[in-house]
PDB file of all heavy atoms in Angstrom:
ATOM      1  N   GLY A   1      -8.575 -10.525 -15.870  1.00  0.00           N
ATOM      2  CA  GLY A   1      -9.131 -11.233 -14.729  1.00  0.00           C
ATOM      3  C   GLY A   1      -8.831 -12.698 -14.750  1.00  0.00           C
ATOM      4  O   GLY A   1      -8.814 -13.332 -13.704  1.00  0.00           O
ATOM      5  N   VAL A   2      -8.608 -13.272 -15.923  1.00  0.00           N
ATOM      6  CA  VAL A   2      -8.229 -14.673 -16.052  1.00  0.00           C
ATOM      7  C   VAL A   2      -6.794 -14.766 -16.523  1.00  0.00           C
ATOM      8  O   VAL A   2      -6.437 -14.123 -17.525  1.00  0.00           O
ATOM      9  CB  VAL A   2      -9.174 -15.426 -17.036  1.00  0.00           C
ATOM     10  CG1 VAL A   2      -8.688 -16.852 -17.250  1.00  0.00           C
ATOM     11  CG2 VAL A   2     -10.599 -15.421 -16.514  1.00  0.00           C
ATOM     12  N   TYR A   3      -5.982 -15.543 -15.833  1.00  0.00           N
ATOM     13  CA  TYR A   3      -4.562 -15.641 -16.159  1.00  0.00           C
ATOM     14  C   TYR A   3      -4.119 -17.094 -16.132  1.00  0.00           C
ATOM     15  O   TYR A   3      -4.454 -17.843 -15.195  1.00  0.00           O
ATOM     16  CB  TYR A   3      -3.744 -14.815 -15.143  1.00  0.00           C
ATOM     17  CG  TYR A   3      -4.232 -13.409 -15.031  1.00  0.00           C
ATOM     18  CD1 TYR A   3      -5.151 -13.054 -14.062  1.00  0.00           C
ATOM     19  CD2 TYR A   3      -3.790 -12.421 -15.912  1.00  0.00           C
ATOM     20  CE1 TYR A   3      -5.641 -11.750 -13.972  1.00  0.00           C
ATOM     21  CE2 TYR A   3      -4.253 -11.115 -15.820  1.00  0.00           C
ATOM     22  CZ  TYR A   3      -5.188 -10.793 -14.855  1.00  0.00           C
ATOM     23  OH  TYR A   3      -5.673  -9.523 -14.782  1.00  0.00           O
ATOM     24  N   TYR A   4      -3.382 -17.498 -17.185  1.00  0.00           N
ATOM     25  CA  TYR A   4      -2.816 -18.859 -17.216  1.00  0.00           C
ATOM     26  C   TYR A   4      -1.430 -18.814 -16.611  1.00  0.00           C
ATOM     27  O   TYR A   4      -0.549 -18.095 -17.086  1.00  0.00           O
ATOM     28  CB  TYR A   4      -2.799 -19.362 -18.654  1.00  0.00           C
ATOM     29  CG  TYR A   4      -4.180 -19.726 -19.176  1.00  0.00           C
ATOM     30  CD1 TYR A   4      -4.896 -18.815 -19.934  1.00  0.00           C
ATOM     31  CD2 TYR A   4      -4.746 -20.965 -18.877  1.00  0.00           C
ATOM     32  CE1 TYR A   4      -6.169 -19.145 -20.394  1.00  0.00           C
ATOM     33  CE2 TYR A   4      -6.016 -21.288 -19.338  1.00  0.00           C
ATOM     34  CZ  TYR A   4      -6.726 -20.376 -20.081  1.00  0.00           C
ATOM     35  OH  TYR A   4      -7.969 -20.697 -20.523  1.00  0.00           O
ATOM     36  N   GLY A   5      -1.252 -19.597 -15.544  1.00  0.00           N
ATOM     37  CA  GLY A   5      -0.002 -19.538 -14.808  1.00  0.00           C
ATOM     38  C   GLY A   5       0.002 -18.349 -13.866  1.00  0.00           C
ATOM     39  O   GLY A   5      -0.876 -17.483 -13.915  1.00  0.00           O
ATOM     40  N   ALA A   6       0.995 -18.317 -13.004  1.00  0.00           N
ATOM     41  CA  ALA A   6       1.101 -17.219 -12.027  1.00  0.00           C
ATOM     42  C   ALA A   6       2.552 -17.004 -11.658  1.00  0.00           C
ATOM     43  O   ALA A   6       3.321 -17.960 -11.607  1.00  0.00           O
ATOM     44  CB  ALA A   6       0.284 -17.551 -10.760  1.00  0.00           C
ATOM     45  N   ALA A   7       2.932 -15.752 -11.440  1.00  0.00           N
ATOM     46  CA  ALA A   7       4.311 -15.416 -11.109  1.00  0.00           C
ATOM     47  C   ALA A   7       4.330 -14.381  -9.985  1.00  0.00           C
ATOM     48  O   ALA A   7       3.293 -13.782  -9.658  1.00  0.00           O
ATOM     49  CB  ALA A   7       5.035 -14.869 -12.337  1.00  0.00           C
ATOM     50  N   ARG A   8       5.488 -14.161  -9.411  1.00  0.00           N
ATOM     51  CA  ARG A   8       5.626 -13.167  -8.362  1.00  0.00           C
ATOM     52  C   ARG A   8       5.209 -11.780  -8.846  1.00  0.00           C
ATOM     53  O   ARG A   8       4.678 -10.974  -8.076  1.00  0.00           O
ATOM     54  CB  ARG A   8       7.062 -13.119  -7.861  1.00  0.00           C
ATOM     55  CG  ARG A   8       7.545 -14.376  -7.160  1.00  0.00           C
ATOM     56  CD  ARG A   8       8.960 -14.237  -6.641  1.00  0.00           C
ATOM     57  NE  ARG A   8       9.036 -13.282  -5.562  1.00  0.00           N
ATOM     58  CZ  ARG A   8       8.848 -13.576  -4.279  1.00  0.00           C
ATOM     59  NH1 ARG A   8       8.543 -14.808  -3.909  1.00  0.00           N
ATOM     60  NH2 ARG A   8       8.958 -12.649  -3.341  1.00  0.00           N
ATOM     61  N   SER A   9       5.422 -11.500 -10.132  1.00  0.00           N
ATOM     62  CA  SER A   9       5.079 -10.199 -10.658  1.00  0.00           C
ATOM     63  C   SER A   9       3.568  -9.986 -10.713  1.00  0.00           C
ATOM     64  O   SER A   9       3.121  -8.857 -10.947  1.00  0.00           O
ATOM     65  CB  SER A   9       5.675 -10.052 -12.084  1.00  0.00           C
ATOM     66  OG  SER A   9       5.215 -11.075 -12.937  1.00  0.00           O
ATOM     67  N   ASP A  10       2.782 -11.024 -10.473  1.00  0.00           N
ATOM     68  CA  ASP A  10       1.333 -10.895 -10.472  1.00  0.00           C
ATOM     69  C   ASP A  10       0.789 -10.520  -9.100  1.00  0.00           C
ATOM     70  O   ASP A  10      -0.433 -10.485  -8.900  1.00  0.00           O
ATOM     71  CB  ASP A  10       0.673 -12.203 -10.904  1.00  0.00           C
ATOM     72  CG  ASP A  10       0.923 -12.534 -12.361  1.00  0.00           C
ATOM     73  OD1 ASP A  10       1.008 -11.582 -13.168  1.00  0.00           O
ATOM     74  OD2 ASP A  10       1.065 -13.725 -12.703  1.00  0.00           O
ATOM     75  N   SER A  11       1.674 -10.244  -8.142  1.00  0.00           N
ATOM     76  CA  SER A  11       1.220  -9.938  -6.790  1.00  0.00           C
ATOM     77  C   SER A  11       0.287  -8.749  -6.750  1.00  0.00           C
ATOM     78  O   SER A  11      -0.643  -8.686  -5.942  1.00  0.00           O
ATOM     79  CB  SER A  11       2.415  -9.720  -5.857  1.00  0.00           C
ATOM     80  OG  SER A  11       3.195  -8.613  -6.300  1.00  0.00           O
ATOM     81  N   GLY A  12       0.517  -7.747  -7.626  1.00  0.00           N
ATOM     82  CA  GLY A  12      -0.346  -6.575  -7.650  1.00  0.00           C
ATOM     83  C   GLY A  12      -1.784  -6.903  -7.986  1.00  0.00           C
ATOM     84  O   GLY A  12      -2.718  -6.230  -7.518  1.00  0.00           O
ATOM     85  N   LEU A  13      -1.997  -7.940  -8.777  1.00  0.00           N
ATOM     86  CA  LEU A  13      -3.358  -8.340  -9.104  1.00  0.00           C
ATOM     87  C   LEU A  13      -4.112  -8.883  -7.903  1.00  0.00           C
ATOM     88  O   LEU A  13      -5.343  -8.806  -7.853  1.00  0.00           O
ATOM     89  CB  LEU A  13      -3.331  -9.420 -10.205  1.00  0.00           C
ATOM     90  CG  LEU A  13      -2.704  -9.055 -11.542  1.00  0.00           C
ATOM     91  CD1 LEU A  13      -2.540 -10.291 -12.405  1.00  0.00           C
ATOM     92  CD2 LEU A  13      -3.553  -8.012 -12.260  1.00  0.00           C
ATOM     93  N   ALA A  14      -3.344  -9.409  -6.961  1.00  0.00           N
ATOM     94  CA  ALA A  14      -3.982 -10.076  -5.807  1.00  0.00           C
ATOM     95  C   ALA A  14      -4.233  -9.146  -4.627  1.00  0.00           C
ATOM     96  O   ALA A  14      -4.943  -9.501  -3.701  1.00  0.00           O
ATOM     97  CB  ALA A  14      -3.085 -11.238  -5.340  1.00  0.00           C
ATOM     98  N   HIS A  15      -3.678  -7.938  -4.628  1.00  0.00           N
ATOM     99  CA  HIS A  15      -3.789  -7.027  -3.495  1.00  0.00           C
ATOM    100  C   HIS A  15      -5.236  -6.789  -3.103  1.00  0.00           C
ATOM    101  O   HIS A  15      -6.021  -6.236  -3.862  1.00  0.00           O
ATOM    102  CB  HIS A  15      -3.116  -5.693  -3.777  1.00  0.00           C
ATOM    103  CG  HIS A  15      -1.635  -5.738  -3.617  1.00  0.00           C
ATOM    104  ND1 HIS A  15      -0.781  -4.832  -4.183  1.00  0.00           N
ATOM    105  CD2 HIS A  15      -0.828  -6.616  -2.955  1.00  0.00           C
ATOM    106  CE1 HIS A  15       0.463  -5.130  -3.888  1.00  0.00           C
ATOM    107  NE2 HIS A  15       0.456  -6.201  -3.140  1.00  0.00           N
ATOM    108  N   GLY A  16      -5.617  -7.238  -1.925  1.00  0.00           N
ATOM    109  CA  GLY A  16      -6.941  -7.007  -1.414  1.00  0.00           C
ATOM    110  C   GLY A  16      -8.042  -7.751  -2.113  1.00  0.00           C
ATOM    111  O   GLY A  16      -9.222  -7.502  -1.870  1.00  0.00           O
ATOM    112  N   ALA A  17      -7.714  -8.691  -3.006  1.00  0.00           N
ATOM    113  CA  ALA A  17      -8.716  -9.361  -3.825  1.00  0.00           C
ATOM    114  C   ALA A  17      -9.034 -10.741  -3.257  1.00  0.00           C
ATOM    115  O   ALA A  17      -8.267 -11.326  -2.480  1.00  0.00           O
ATOM    116  CB  ALA A  17      -8.225  -9.487  -5.261  1.00  0.00           C
ATOM    117  N   ASP A  18     -10.165 -11.275  -3.705  1.00  0.00           N
ATOM    118  CA  ASP A  18     -10.522 -12.667  -3.466  1.00  0.00           C
ATOM    119  C   ASP A  18     -10.015 -13.456  -4.679  1.00  0.00           C
ATOM    120  O   ASP A  18     -10.575 -13.373  -5.760  1.00  0.00           O
ATOM    121  CB  ASP A  18     -12.028 -12.837  -3.303  1.00  0.00           C
ATOM    122  CG  ASP A  18     -12.547 -12.154  -2.055  1.00  0.00           C
ATOM    123  OD1 ASP A  18     -11.955 -12.359  -0.984  1.00  0.00           O
ATOM    124  OD2 ASP A  18     -13.526 -11.395  -2.142  1.00  0.00           O
ATOM    125  N   VAL A  19      -8.948 -14.186  -4.472  1.00  0.00           N
ATOM    126  CA  VAL A  19      -8.255 -14.875  -5.568  1.00  0.00           C
ATOM    127  C   VAL A  19      -8.723 -16.307  -5.655  1.00  0.00           C
ATOM    128  O   VAL A  19      -8.813 -17.011  -4.643  1.00  0.00           O
ATOM    129  CB  VAL A  19      -6.718 -14.822  -5.350  1.00  0.00           C
ATOM    130  CG1 VAL A  19      -6.008 -15.656  -6.404  1.00  0.00           C
ATOM    131  CG2 VAL A  19      -6.233 -13.392  -5.383  1.00  0.00           C
ATOM    132  N   PHE A  20      -9.004 -16.766  -6.874  1.00  0.00           N
ATOM    133  CA  PHE A  20      -9.343 -18.158  -7.110  1.00  0.00           C
ATOM    134  C   PHE A  20      -8.263 -18.783  -7.979  1.00  0.00           C
ATOM    135  O   PHE A  20      -7.780 -18.187  -8.948  1.00  0.00           O
ATOM    136  CB  PHE A  20     -10.709 -18.274  -7.823  1.00  0.00           C
ATOM    137  CG  PHE A  20     -11.887 -18.026  -6.911  1.00  0.00           C
ATOM    138  CD1 PHE A  20     -12.237 -16.722  -6.562  1.00  0.00           C
ATOM    139  CD2 PHE A  20     -12.610 -19.087  -6.377  1.00  0.00           C
ATOM    140  CE1 PHE A  20     -13.297 -16.483  -5.709  1.00  0.00           C
ATOM    141  CE2 PHE A  20     -13.672 -18.851  -5.533  1.00  0.00           C
ATOM    142  CZ  PHE A  20     -14.024 -17.556  -5.186  1.00  0.00           C
ATOM    143  N   ILE A  21      -7.886 -20.026  -7.653  1.00  0.00           N
ATOM    144  CA  ILE A  21      -6.877 -20.773  -8.404  1.00  0.00           C
ATOM    145  C   ILE A  21      -7.462 -22.116  -8.759  1.00  0.00           C
ATOM    146  O   ILE A  21      -7.972 -22.837  -7.907  1.00  0.00           O
ATOM    147  CB  ILE A  21      -5.593 -20.971  -7.563  1.00  0.00           C
ATOM    148  CG1 ILE A  21      -4.952 -19.623  -7.216  1.00  0.00           C
ATOM    149  CG2 ILE A  21      -4.597 -21.859  -8.307  1.00  0.00           C
ATOM    150  CD1 ILE A  21      -3.771 -19.723  -6.274  1.00  0.00           C
ATOM    151  N   ILE A  22      -7.427 -22.447 -10.040  1.00  0.00           N
ATOM    152  CA  ILE A  22      -7.868 -23.772 -10.491  1.00  0.00           C
ATOM    153  C   ILE A  22      -6.639 -24.625 -10.697  1.00  0.00           C
ATOM    154  O   ILE A  22      -5.765 -24.290 -11.505  1.00  0.00           O
ATOM    155  CB  ILE A  22      -8.665 -23.690 -11.815  1.00  0.00           C
ATOM    156  CG1 ILE A  22      -9.825 -22.701 -11.685  1.00  0.00           C
ATOM    157  CG2 ILE A  22      -9.174 -25.054 -12.203  1.00  0.00           C
ATOM    158  CD1 ILE A  22     -10.592 -22.521 -12.996  1.00  0.00           C
ATOM    159  N   GLY A  23      -6.538 -25.729  -9.974  1.00  0.00           N
ATOM    160  CA  GLY A  23      -5.391 -26.590 -10.115  1.00  0.00           C
ATOM    161  C   GLY A  23      -4.988 -27.199  -8.795  1.00  0.00           C
ATOM    162  O   GLY A  23      -5.307 -26.657  -7.725  1.00  0.00           O
ATOM    163  N   ALA A  24      -4.258 -28.321  -8.857  1.00  0.00           N
ATOM    164  CA  ALA A  24      -3.856 -29.006  -7.636  1.00  0.00           C
ATOM    165  C   ALA A  24      -2.421 -29.503  -7.705  1.00  0.00           C
ATOM    166  O   ALA A  24      -2.022 -30.360  -6.923  1.00  0.00           O
ATOM    167  CB  ALA A  24      -4.795 -30.204  -7.387  1.00  0.00           C
ATOM    168  N   GLY A  25      -1.651 -28.956  -8.654  1.00  0.00           N
ATOM    169  CA  GLY A  25      -0.231 -29.329  -8.735  1.00  0.00           C
ATOM    170  C   GLY A  25       0.639 -28.423  -7.895  1.00  0.00           C
ATOM    171  O   GLY A  25       0.154 -27.501  -7.213  1.00  0.00           O
ATOM    172  N   ASN A  26       1.939 -28.652  -7.957  1.00  0.00           N
ATOM    173  CA  ASN A  26       2.865 -27.844  -7.170  1.00  0.00           C
ATOM    174  C   ASN A  26       2.815 -26.373  -7.530  1.00  0.00           C
ATOM    175  O   ASN A  26       2.919 -25.509  -6.664  1.00  0.00           O
ATOM    176  CB  ASN A  26       4.288 -28.381  -7.327  1.00  0.00           C
ATOM    177  CG  ASN A  26       4.563 -29.585  -6.432  1.00  0.00           C
ATOM    178  OD1 ASN A  26       3.676 -30.064  -5.739  1.00  0.00           O
ATOM    179  ND2 ASN A  26       5.786 -30.059  -6.463  1.00  0.00           N
ATOM    180  N   SER A  27       2.697 -26.088  -8.836  1.00  0.00           N
ATOM    181  CA  SER A  27       2.651 -24.673  -9.238  1.00  0.00           C
ATOM    182  C   SER A  27       1.461 -23.976  -8.630  1.00  0.00           C
ATOM    183  O   SER A  27       1.565 -22.831  -8.163  1.00  0.00           O
ATOM    184  CB  SER A  27       2.597 -24.566 -10.776  1.00  0.00           C
ATOM    185  OG  SER A  27       3.792 -25.050 -11.342  1.00  0.00           O
ATOM    186  N   ALA A  28       0.301 -24.630  -8.616  1.00  0.00           N
ATOM    187  CA  ALA A  28      -0.891 -24.045  -8.023  1.00  0.00           C
ATOM    188  C   ALA A  28      -0.696 -23.847  -6.515  1.00  0.00           C
ATOM    189  O   ALA A  28      -1.094 -22.834  -5.957  1.00  0.00           O
ATOM    190  CB  ALA A  28      -2.109 -24.919  -8.304  1.00  0.00           C
ATOM    191  N   GLY A  29      -0.110 -24.836  -5.865  1.00  0.00           N
ATOM    192  CA  GLY A  29       0.129 -24.722  -4.426  1.00  0.00           C
ATOM    193  C   GLY A  29       1.091 -23.607  -4.077  1.00  0.00           C
ATOM    194  O   GLY A  29       0.867 -22.852  -3.123  1.00  0.00           O
ATOM    195  N   GLN A  30       2.174 -23.478  -4.836  1.00  0.00           N
ATOM    196  CA  GLN A  30       3.126 -22.402  -4.598  1.00  0.00           C
ATOM    197  C   GLN A  30       2.461 -21.040  -4.777  1.00  0.00           C
ATOM    198  O   GLN A  30       2.670 -20.107  -4.008  1.00  0.00           O
ATOM    199  CB  GLN A  30       4.312 -22.542  -5.564  1.00  0.00           C
ATOM    200  CG  GLN A  30       5.199 -23.739  -5.261  1.00  0.00           C
ATOM    201  CD  GLN A  30       6.042 -24.151  -6.479  1.00  0.00           C
ATOM    202  OE1 GLN A  30       5.905 -23.600  -7.558  1.00  0.00           O
ATOM    203  NE2 GLN A  30       6.882 -25.151  -6.281  1.00  0.00           N
ATOM    204  N   ALA A  31       1.620 -20.923  -5.814  1.00  0.00           N
ATOM    205  CA  ALA A  31       0.919 -19.670  -6.071  1.00  0.00           C
ATOM    206  C   ALA A  31      -0.053 -19.349  -4.927  1.00  0.00           C
ATOM    207  O   ALA A  31      -0.159 -18.187  -4.493  1.00  0.00           O
ATOM    208  CB  ALA A  31       0.169 -19.745  -7.403  1.00  0.00           C
ATOM    209  N   ALA A  32      -0.748 -20.351  -4.432  1.00  0.00           N
ATOM    210  CA  ALA A  32      -1.715 -20.119  -3.339  1.00  0.00           C
ATOM    211  C   ALA A  32      -0.992 -19.582  -2.096  1.00  0.00           C
ATOM    212  O   ALA A  32      -1.479 -18.621  -1.463  1.00  0.00           O
ATOM    213  CB  ALA A  32      -2.457 -21.400  -3.015  1.00  0.00           C
TER     214      ALA A  32
END
């Protein structure tokens, strides 16, 4: 449930979920 960093391969974790992202850099924005 807690993951450091995020990648395209993590899309399955997000399906239909309420996703929270901690961060305000480019990586966080791209993931959002």
